[in-house]
Amino acid sequence: MAGGWARDGAVNEQIEASISDELQRMRAAQARAKAESRTHCAECEEPIPEARRAARPGVQLCIDCQQERDGSYNARGGINRRGSKDSQLK
């Protein structure tokens, strides 16, 4: 049964697409964690201490570059990305 302007199954398609996107993001993060740690930072080429490489398997960035990256905000698409009536009401 469709609700509002949506066709049958549109809500379920949105939910499945959102779950699929999040699973893909999590699998990519998991693959990065299993990768071999770098000895030098991927951005600034400074050496990465052995203790950091041991504590964070798959580390690619030095502490300074990682803190800079963590401080920046990356907006991701929301759940309701097809511009349905529900998103216009909020």
N, C-alpha and C. Protein backbone atom coordinates (compact mmCIF):
# COMPACT_ATOMS: atom_id res chain seq x y z
N MET A 1 0.83 -1.18 0.00
CA MET A 1 0.00 0.00 0.00
C MET A 1 0.88 1.24 0.00
N ALA A 2 0.65 2.12 -0.92
CA ALA A 2 1.42 3.35 -1.02
C ALA A 2 0.86 4.39 -0.07
N GLY A 3 1.72 5.22 0.45
CA GLY A 3 1.29 6.30 1.33
C GLY A 3 1.62 7.63 0.72
N GLY A 4 0.69 8.55 0.69
CA GLY A 4 0.97 9.87 0.13
C GLY A 4 1.24 9.78 -1.35
N TRP A 5 2.35 10.34 -1.79
CA TRP A 5 2.69 10.36 -3.21
C TRP A 5 3.60 9.21 -3.61
N ALA A 6 4.00 8.41 -2.64
CA ALA A 6 4.94 7.32 -2.91
C ALA A 6 4.23 6.13 -3.56
N ARG A 7 4.96 5.43 -4.41
CA ARG A 7 4.41 4.24 -5.02
C ARG A 7 4.58 3.05 -4.08
N ASP A 8 3.97 1.95 -4.39
CA ASP A 8 4.08 0.76 -3.55
C ASP A 8 5.54 0.34 -3.41
N GLY A 9 5.96 0.06 -2.19
CA GLY A 9 7.31 -0.43 -1.94
C GLY A 9 8.38 0.64 -1.87
N ALA A 10 8.04 1.91 -2.06
CA ALA A 10 9.05 2.97 -2.08
C ALA A 10 9.74 3.12 -0.73
N VAL A 11 9.00 3.01 0.34
CA VAL A 11 9.57 3.15 1.68
C VAL A 11 10.56 2.03 1.94
N ASN A 12 10.17 0.80 1.60
CA ASN A 12 11.08 -0.33 1.80
C ASN A 12 12.33 -0.19 0.95
N GLU A 13 12.20 0.31 -0.26
CA GLU A 13 13.37 0.53 -1.12
C GLU A 13 14.32 1.54 -0.49
N GLN A 14 13.79 2.59 0.11
CA GLN A 14 14.63 3.60 0.76
C GLN A 14 15.35 3.00 1.95
N ILE A 15 14.64 2.21 2.73
CA ILE A 15 15.26 1.59 3.91
C ILE A 15 16.36 0.63 3.47
N GLU A 16 16.10 -0.20 2.47
CA GLU A 16 17.09 -1.16 1.98
C GLU A 16 18.30 -0.45 1.39
N ALA A 17 18.09 0.66 0.68
CA ALA A 17 19.20 1.41 0.10
C ALA A 17 20.06 2.03 1.20
N SER A 18 19.44 2.54 2.24
CA SER A 18 20.18 3.12 3.36
C SER A 18 21.00 2.07 4.09
N ILE A 19 20.40 0.92 4.33
CA ILE A 19 21.12 -0.16 5.00
C ILE A 19 22.28 -0.64 4.14
N SER A 20 22.06 -0.76 2.84
CA SER A 20 23.11 -1.20 1.93
C SER A 20 24.28 -0.21 1.92
N ASP A 21 23.98 1.08 1.90
CA ASP A 21 25.03 2.11 1.92
C ASP A 21 25.86 2.02 3.20
N GLU A 22 25.18 1.86 4.34
CA GLU A 22 25.89 1.79 5.61
C GLU A 22 26.73 0.53 5.71
N LEU A 23 26.21 -0.60 5.24
CA LEU A 23 27.01 -1.84 5.23
C LEU A 23 28.24 -1.71 4.36
N GLN A 24 28.09 -1.07 3.23
CA GLN A 24 29.24 -0.85 2.33
C GLN A 24 30.30 0.03 3.01
N ARG A 25 29.85 1.08 3.72
CA ARG A 25 30.79 1.96 4.42
C ARG A 25 31.51 1.20 5.53
N MET A 26 30.78 0.35 6.27
CA MET A 26 31.38 -0.42 7.35
C MET A 26 32.37 -1.46 6.82
N ARG A 27 32.03 -2.11 5.72
CA ARG A 27 32.94 -3.10 5.14
C ARG A 27 34.22 -2.45 4.64
N ALA A 28 34.11 -1.26 4.07
CA ALA A 28 35.29 -0.54 3.61
C ALA A 28 36.18 -0.16 4.79
N ALA A 29 35.58 0.28 5.89
CA ALA A 29 36.35 0.62 7.08
C ALA A 29 37.03 -0.63 7.66
N GLN A 30 36.33 -1.74 7.63
CA GLN A 30 36.90 -2.99 8.13
C GLN A 30 38.08 -3.44 7.27
N ALA A 31 37.96 -3.28 5.96
CA ALA A 31 39.05 -3.66 5.06
C ALA A 31 40.27 -2.77 5.29
N ARG A 32 40.03 -1.48 5.55
CA ARG A 32 41.16 -0.57 5.83
C ARG A 32 41.87 -0.98 7.10
N ALA A 33 41.11 -1.44 8.10
CA ALA A 33 41.72 -1.84 9.38
C ALA A 33 42.58 -3.09 9.22
N LYS A 34 42.24 -3.95 8.26
CA LYS A 34 43.01 -5.17 8.05
C LYS A 34 44.23 -4.94 7.16
N ALA A 35 44.30 -3.78 6.53
CA ALA A 35 45.43 -3.48 5.65
C ALA A 35 46.71 -3.31 6.48
N GLU A 36 47.82 -3.42 5.82
CA GLU A 36 49.10 -3.26 6.50
C GLU A 36 49.32 -1.80 6.86
N SER A 37 49.86 -1.57 8.05
CA SER A 37 50.15 -0.21 8.50
C SER A 37 51.29 0.39 7.70
N ARG A 38 51.21 1.68 7.48
CA ARG A 38 52.29 2.39 6.79
C ARG A 38 53.35 2.80 7.80
N THR A 39 54.57 2.91 7.36
CA THR A 39 55.64 3.39 8.24
C THR A 39 55.72 4.91 8.23
N HIS A 40 55.20 5.53 7.16
CA HIS A 40 55.18 6.99 7.04
C HIS A 40 53.77 7.44 6.68
N CYS A 41 53.40 8.62 7.14
CA CYS A 41 52.06 9.17 6.94
C CYS A 41 51.75 9.30 5.45
N ALA A 42 50.52 8.98 5.07
CA ALA A 42 50.09 9.06 3.68
C ALA A 42 49.93 10.50 3.21
N GLU A 43 49.78 11.45 4.14
CA GLU A 43 49.58 12.85 3.76
C GLU A 43 50.84 13.69 3.88
N CYS A 44 51.54 13.58 5.02
CA CYS A 44 52.68 14.48 5.25
C CYS A 44 54.04 13.77 5.19
N GLU A 45 54.04 12.45 5.04
CA GLU A 45 55.26 11.64 4.96
C GLU A 45 56.11 11.63 6.23
N GLU A 46 55.54 12.07 7.37
CA GLU A 46 56.25 11.98 8.64
C GLU A 46 56.23 10.53 9.10
N PRO A 47 57.27 10.08 9.80
CA PRO A 47 57.26 8.70 10.30
C PRO A 47 56.14 8.46 11.31
N ILE A 48 55.52 7.30 11.24
CA ILE A 48 54.48 6.92 12.19
C ILE A 48 55.15 6.05 13.25
N PRO A 49 55.04 6.41 14.53
CA PRO A 49 55.70 5.65 15.59
C PRO A 49 55.24 4.19 15.63
N GLU A 50 56.15 3.33 16.01
CA GLU A 50 55.86 1.89 16.08
C GLU A 50 54.71 1.61 17.05
N ALA A 51 54.64 2.35 18.15
CA ALA A 51 53.58 2.14 19.13
C ALA A 51 52.21 2.41 18.50
N ARG A 52 52.11 3.44 17.67
CA ARG A 52 50.83 3.74 17.01
C ARG A 52 50.47 2.64 16.01
N ARG A 53 51.46 2.16 15.27
CA ARG A 53 51.20 1.08 14.30
C ARG A 53 50.76 -0.19 15.00
N ALA A 54 51.31 -0.44 16.19
CA ALA A 54 50.92 -1.64 16.95
C ALA A 54 49.52 -1.48 17.54
N ALA A 55 49.20 -0.26 17.98
CA ALA A 55 47.90 -0.03 18.61
C ALA A 55 46.76 0.04 17.59
N ARG A 56 47.05 0.54 16.41
CA ARG A 56 46.02 0.73 15.37
C ARG A 56 46.44 0.00 14.10
N PRO A 57 46.17 -1.29 13.97
CA PRO A 57 46.54 -2.00 12.73
C PRO A 57 45.88 -1.34 11.52
N GLY A 58 46.65 -1.19 10.48
CA GLY A 58 46.15 -0.58 9.25
C GLY A 58 46.22 0.93 9.24
N VAL A 59 46.93 1.51 10.20
CA VAL A 59 47.01 2.97 10.29
C VAL A 59 47.71 3.54 9.06
N GLN A 60 47.16 4.65 8.55
CA GLN A 60 47.69 5.28 7.34
C GLN A 60 48.19 6.69 7.59
N LEU A 61 47.76 7.30 8.71
CA LEU A 61 48.07 8.70 8.98
C LEU A 61 48.77 8.85 10.32
N CYS A 62 49.61 9.89 10.43
CA CYS A 62 50.22 10.22 11.72
C CYS A 62 49.14 10.83 12.62
N ILE A 63 49.45 11.03 13.87
CA ILE A 63 48.46 11.52 14.83
C ILE A 63 47.96 12.91 14.43
N ASP A 64 48.86 13.80 14.03
CA ASP A 64 48.45 15.17 13.67
C ASP A 64 47.49 15.17 12.49
N CYS A 65 47.81 14.44 11.44
CA CYS A 65 46.94 14.39 10.26
C CYS A 65 45.61 13.72 10.59
N GLN A 66 45.63 12.69 11.43
CA GLN A 66 44.39 12.02 11.81
C GLN A 66 43.51 12.95 12.63
N GLN A 67 44.10 13.72 13.55
CA GLN A 67 43.30 14.66 14.34
C GLN A 67 42.70 15.74 13.45
N GLU A 68 43.44 16.19 12.46
CA GLU A 68 42.92 17.19 11.54
C GLU A 68 41.75 16.62 10.74
N ARG A 69 41.89 15.39 10.29
CA ARG A 69 40.82 14.75 9.51
C ARG A 69 39.59 14.50 10.40
N ASP A 70 39.80 14.08 11.64
CA ASP A 70 38.68 13.83 12.55
C ASP A 70 37.93 15.11 12.88
N GLY A 71 38.63 16.22 12.87
CA GLY A 71 38.00 17.50 13.20
C GLY A 71 37.14 18.04 12.09
N SER A 72 37.36 17.60 10.85
CA SER A 72 36.55 18.10 9.74
C SER A 72 35.24 17.32 9.67
N TYR A 73 34.18 18.00 9.27
CA TYR A 73 32.85 17.40 9.22
C TYR A 73 32.55 16.94 7.81
N ASN A 74 32.20 15.66 7.65
CA ASN A 74 31.79 15.11 6.36
C ASN A 74 30.32 14.77 6.42
N ALA A 75 29.51 15.56 5.74
CA ALA A 75 28.07 15.29 5.73
C ALA A 75 27.78 14.13 4.80
N ARG A 76 26.96 13.21 5.28
CA ARG A 76 26.54 12.08 4.46
C ARG A 76 25.08 12.28 4.13
N GLY A 77 24.66 11.66 3.06
CA GLY A 77 23.26 11.76 2.65
C GLY A 77 22.34 11.19 3.70
N GLY A 78 21.17 11.76 3.80
CA GLY A 78 20.21 11.32 4.79
C GLY A 78 19.47 10.08 4.34
N ILE A 79 18.59 9.63 5.17
CA ILE A 79 17.82 8.43 4.88
C ILE A 79 16.83 8.66 3.75
N ASN A 80 16.14 9.78 3.79
CA ASN A 80 15.10 10.06 2.81
C ASN A 80 15.69 10.87 1.67
N ARG A 81 16.25 10.21 0.68
CA ARG A 81 17.00 10.91 -0.35
C ARG A 81 16.25 11.06 -1.68
N ARG A 82 15.00 10.67 -1.73
CA ARG A 82 14.27 10.78 -3.00
C ARG A 82 13.32 11.97 -3.03
N GLY A 83 13.39 12.81 -2.02
CA GLY A 83 12.56 14.00 -2.01
C GLY A 83 11.09 13.69 -1.90
N SER A 84 10.73 12.74 -1.06
CA SER A 84 9.33 12.37 -0.94
C SER A 84 8.58 13.43 -0.13
N LYS A 85 7.30 13.26 -0.07
CA LYS A 85 6.44 14.19 0.65
C LYS A 85 6.87 14.30 2.12
N ASP A 86 7.28 13.19 2.73
CA ASP A 86 7.69 13.22 4.13
C ASP A 86 8.86 14.16 4.36
N SER A 87 9.81 14.19 3.43
CA SER A 87 10.97 15.07 3.63
C SER A 87 10.59 16.53 3.49
N GLN A 88 9.53 16.83 2.74
CA GLN A 88 9.10 18.20 2.57
C GLN A 88 8.34 18.71 3.79
N LEU A 89 7.81 17.81 4.59
CA LEU A 89 7.04 18.21 5.75
C LEU A 89 7.91 18.58 6.94
N LYS A 90 9.16 18.16 6.97
CA LYS A 90 10.02 18.38 8.12
C LYS A 90 10.64 19.75 8.08
